[in-house]
N, C-alpha and C. Protein backbone atom coordinates (compact mmCIF):
# COMPACT_ATOMS: atom_id res chain seq x y z
N MET A 1 102.35 94.43 90.32
CA MET A 1 101.38 95.05 91.18
C MET A 1 100.56 94.00 91.89
N LYS A 2 100.17 92.99 91.13
CA LYS A 2 99.41 91.91 91.74
C LYS A 2 100.26 91.15 92.75
N VAL A 3 101.54 91.01 92.43
CA VAL A 3 102.46 90.30 93.33
C VAL A 3 102.57 91.05 94.66
N LEU A 4 102.64 92.37 94.58
CA LEU A 4 102.74 93.15 95.81
C LEU A 4 101.47 93.04 96.64
N ASN A 5 100.31 93.03 96.00
CA ASN A 5 99.06 92.85 96.73
C ASN A 5 98.99 91.48 97.39
N GLU A 6 99.45 90.45 96.67
CA GLU A 6 99.45 89.10 97.24
C GLU A 6 100.41 89.03 98.43
N LYS A 7 101.56 89.65 98.31
CA LYS A 7 102.52 89.69 99.42
C LYS A 7 101.91 90.39 100.63
N ALA A 8 101.19 91.48 100.38
CA ALA A 8 100.58 92.24 101.47
C ALA A 8 99.53 91.41 102.21
N LYS A 9 98.86 90.50 101.52
CA LYS A 9 97.85 89.67 102.17
C LYS A 9 98.45 88.74 103.21
N HIS A 10 99.73 88.39 103.02
CA HIS A 10 100.38 87.46 103.94
C HIS A 10 101.09 88.17 105.08
N ILE A 11 101.03 89.49 105.09
CA ILE A 11 101.66 90.26 106.15
C ILE A 11 100.56 90.92 106.98
N THR A 12 100.72 90.89 108.27
CA THR A 12 99.68 91.46 109.14
C THR A 12 100.08 92.85 109.63
N GLY A 13 99.08 93.59 110.00
CA GLY A 13 99.30 94.90 110.61
C GLY A 13 99.77 95.96 109.63
N VAL A 14 100.44 96.94 110.21
CA VAL A 14 100.86 98.09 109.40
C VAL A 14 102.02 97.77 108.47
N GLN A 15 102.67 96.62 108.66
CA GLN A 15 103.77 96.24 107.77
C GLN A 15 103.31 96.02 106.34
N GLN A 16 102.02 95.74 106.14
CA GLN A 16 101.51 95.52 104.79
C GLN A 16 101.23 96.82 104.05
N TRP A 17 101.14 97.92 104.75
CA TRP A 17 100.79 99.20 104.13
C TRP A 17 101.77 99.64 103.04
N PRO A 18 103.08 99.52 103.24
CA PRO A 18 103.99 99.94 102.16
C PRO A 18 103.80 99.13 100.88
N TYR A 19 103.53 97.85 101.02
CA TYR A 19 103.31 97.01 99.83
C TYR A 19 102.08 97.48 99.06
N ARG A 20 101.02 97.75 99.79
CA ARG A 20 99.79 98.22 99.13
C ARG A 20 99.98 99.61 98.52
N ALA A 21 100.72 100.47 99.20
CA ALA A 21 100.95 101.83 98.69
C ALA A 21 101.77 101.81 97.41
N VAL A 22 102.81 100.99 97.38
CA VAL A 22 103.63 100.89 96.17
C VAL A 22 102.83 100.28 95.03
N SER A 23 102.01 99.29 95.33
CA SER A 23 101.18 98.67 94.30
C SER A 23 100.23 99.69 93.68
N ARG A 24 99.59 100.48 94.51
CA ARG A 24 98.68 101.52 93.99
C ARG A 24 99.44 102.58 93.20
N ALA A 25 100.62 102.93 93.68
CA ALA A 25 101.41 103.95 92.99
C ALA A 25 101.85 103.46 91.61
N LEU A 26 102.19 102.19 91.50
CA LEU A 26 102.62 101.66 90.21
C LEU A 26 101.47 101.56 89.22
N GLU A 27 100.24 101.45 89.71
CA GLU A 27 99.09 101.42 88.81
C GLU A 27 98.80 102.79 88.22
N VAL A 28 99.23 103.85 88.88
CA VAL A 28 98.96 105.20 88.40
C VAL A 28 99.74 105.49 87.11
N ILE A 29 100.93 104.93 86.99
CA ILE A 29 101.79 105.25 85.83
C ILE A 29 101.13 104.86 84.51
N PRO A 30 100.74 103.59 84.30
CA PRO A 30 100.11 103.26 83.01
C PRO A 30 98.78 103.98 82.80
N ARG A 31 98.02 104.16 83.88
CA ARG A 31 96.73 104.85 83.75
C ARG A 31 96.95 106.28 83.27
N THR A 32 97.94 106.97 83.83
CA THR A 32 98.23 108.35 83.44
C THR A 32 98.71 108.41 82.00
N LEU A 33 99.57 107.48 81.61
CA LEU A 33 100.05 107.46 80.22
C LEU A 33 98.90 107.25 79.23
N ILE A 34 98.01 106.35 79.56
CA ILE A 34 96.87 106.09 78.67
C ILE A 34 95.97 107.32 78.57
N GLN A 35 95.70 107.95 79.70
CA GLN A 35 94.85 109.14 79.69
C GLN A 35 95.51 110.28 78.92
N ASN A 36 96.83 110.44 79.06
CA ASN A 36 97.53 111.50 78.34
C ASN A 36 97.53 111.27 76.83
N CYS A 37 97.41 110.03 76.42
CA CYS A 37 97.35 109.71 74.99
C CYS A 37 95.93 109.77 74.44
N GLY A 38 94.99 110.08 75.30
CA GLY A 38 93.60 110.18 74.87
C GLY A 38 92.87 108.85 74.86
N GLY A 39 93.45 107.84 75.48
CA GLY A 39 92.82 106.53 75.50
C GLY A 39 91.84 106.38 76.65
N GLN A 40 91.15 105.27 76.64
CA GLN A 40 90.20 104.95 77.71
C GLN A 40 90.92 104.04 78.70
N ALA A 41 91.26 104.60 79.84
CA ALA A 41 92.13 103.92 80.79
C ALA A 41 91.56 102.60 81.29
N ILE A 42 90.31 102.57 81.68
CA ILE A 42 89.75 101.35 82.27
C ILE A 42 89.70 100.22 81.25
N ARG A 43 89.24 100.53 80.04
CA ARG A 43 89.18 99.48 79.01
C ARG A 43 90.57 98.97 78.64
N THR A 44 91.51 99.89 78.49
CA THR A 44 92.86 99.49 78.09
C THR A 44 93.53 98.67 79.19
N LEU A 45 93.43 99.10 80.43
CA LEU A 45 94.04 98.36 81.53
C LEU A 45 93.40 96.99 81.71
N THR A 46 92.10 96.92 81.53
CA THR A 46 91.42 95.63 81.62
C THR A 46 91.90 94.69 80.53
N ALA A 47 92.03 95.21 79.31
CA ALA A 47 92.52 94.39 78.20
C ALA A 47 93.95 93.92 78.46
N LEU A 48 94.78 94.78 79.01
CA LEU A 48 96.16 94.41 79.32
C LEU A 48 96.21 93.34 80.41
N ARG A 49 95.35 93.45 81.40
CA ARG A 49 95.31 92.43 82.46
C ARG A 49 94.86 91.08 81.91
N VAL A 50 93.90 91.10 81.00
CA VAL A 50 93.44 89.85 80.39
C VAL A 50 94.57 89.22 79.58
N GLN A 51 95.26 90.03 78.79
CA GLN A 51 96.38 89.50 78.01
C GLN A 51 97.46 88.93 78.91
N ALA A 52 97.75 89.61 80.01
CA ALA A 52 98.77 89.13 80.93
C ALA A 52 98.36 87.81 81.57
N SER A 53 97.09 87.67 81.93
CA SER A 53 96.65 86.42 82.55
C SER A 53 96.64 85.28 81.54
N VAL A 54 96.29 85.57 80.29
CA VAL A 54 96.33 84.54 79.24
C VAL A 54 97.77 84.11 79.00
N LEU A 55 98.68 85.07 78.94
CA LEU A 55 100.09 84.75 78.74
C LEU A 55 100.62 83.92 79.90
N LEU A 56 100.26 84.28 81.12
CA LEU A 56 100.70 83.52 82.28
C LEU A 56 100.16 82.10 82.23
N PHE A 57 98.90 81.93 81.83
CA PHE A 57 98.31 80.60 81.71
C PHE A 57 99.03 79.78 80.65
N CYS A 58 99.33 80.41 79.51
CA CYS A 58 100.04 79.70 78.43
C CYS A 58 101.43 79.26 78.88
N CYS A 59 102.13 80.12 79.61
CA CYS A 59 103.46 79.76 80.12
C CYS A 59 103.35 78.59 81.09
N PHE A 60 102.33 78.61 81.93
CA PHE A 60 102.12 77.53 82.87
C PHE A 60 101.86 76.22 82.14
N MET A 61 101.02 76.27 81.10
CA MET A 61 100.71 75.05 80.34
C MET A 61 101.95 74.54 79.60
N CYS A 62 102.75 75.46 79.05
CA CYS A 62 103.98 75.05 78.38
C CYS A 62 104.93 74.37 79.36
N ASP A 63 105.02 74.90 80.56
CA ASP A 63 105.86 74.27 81.59
C ASP A 63 105.36 72.87 81.91
N LEU A 64 104.05 72.71 82.02
CA LEU A 64 103.51 71.38 82.30
C LEU A 64 103.83 70.40 81.18
N ILE A 65 103.71 70.86 79.95
CA ILE A 65 104.02 70.00 78.80
C ILE A 65 105.49 69.61 78.81
N MET A 66 106.37 70.58 79.10
CA MET A 66 107.80 70.28 79.13
C MET A 66 108.12 69.29 80.24
N VAL A 67 107.50 69.42 81.38
CA VAL A 67 107.72 68.48 82.48
C VAL A 67 107.23 67.09 82.09
N ALA A 68 106.07 67.02 81.47
CA ALA A 68 105.53 65.72 81.04
C ALA A 68 106.46 65.06 80.02
N ARG A 69 106.97 65.81 79.07
CA ARG A 69 107.90 65.25 78.07
C ARG A 69 109.18 64.79 78.73
N PHE A 70 109.68 65.56 79.67
CA PHE A 70 110.89 65.17 80.38
C PHE A 70 110.67 63.87 81.13
N CYS A 71 109.53 63.76 81.81
CA CYS A 71 109.22 62.56 82.57
C CYS A 71 109.13 61.35 81.66
N GLU A 72 108.57 61.53 80.48
CA GLU A 72 108.48 60.43 79.52
C GLU A 72 109.85 60.02 79.02
N SER A 73 110.73 60.99 78.81
CA SER A 73 112.05 60.66 78.27
C SER A 73 112.97 60.01 79.31
N VAL A 74 112.67 60.16 80.59
CA VAL A 74 113.52 59.65 81.64
C VAL A 74 113.08 58.27 82.12
N ARG A 75 111.96 57.81 81.65
CA ARG A 75 111.46 56.51 82.11
C ARG A 75 112.51 55.42 81.89
N LEU A 76 112.67 54.63 82.91
CA LEU A 76 113.70 53.60 82.86
C LEU A 76 113.18 52.25 82.41
N PHE A 77 111.91 52.10 82.28
CA PHE A 77 111.35 50.80 81.90
C PHE A 77 110.53 50.88 80.66
């Protein structure tokens, strides 16, 4: 959903509308499921977004560590 919003920012005019519409439509699905289960949609979705951003940050850091180790192992001198 965030990817679609980011893509829409780089497109001008009415061509960005489908990206934004699909992004909003995809957000309705988890919100509806949470509400149907009796959960608190805003709190749950916020917690899920935080977990996703932490996971993304951890993956990014792991990639940096792997690149650094690779660079160290390839040193020729």
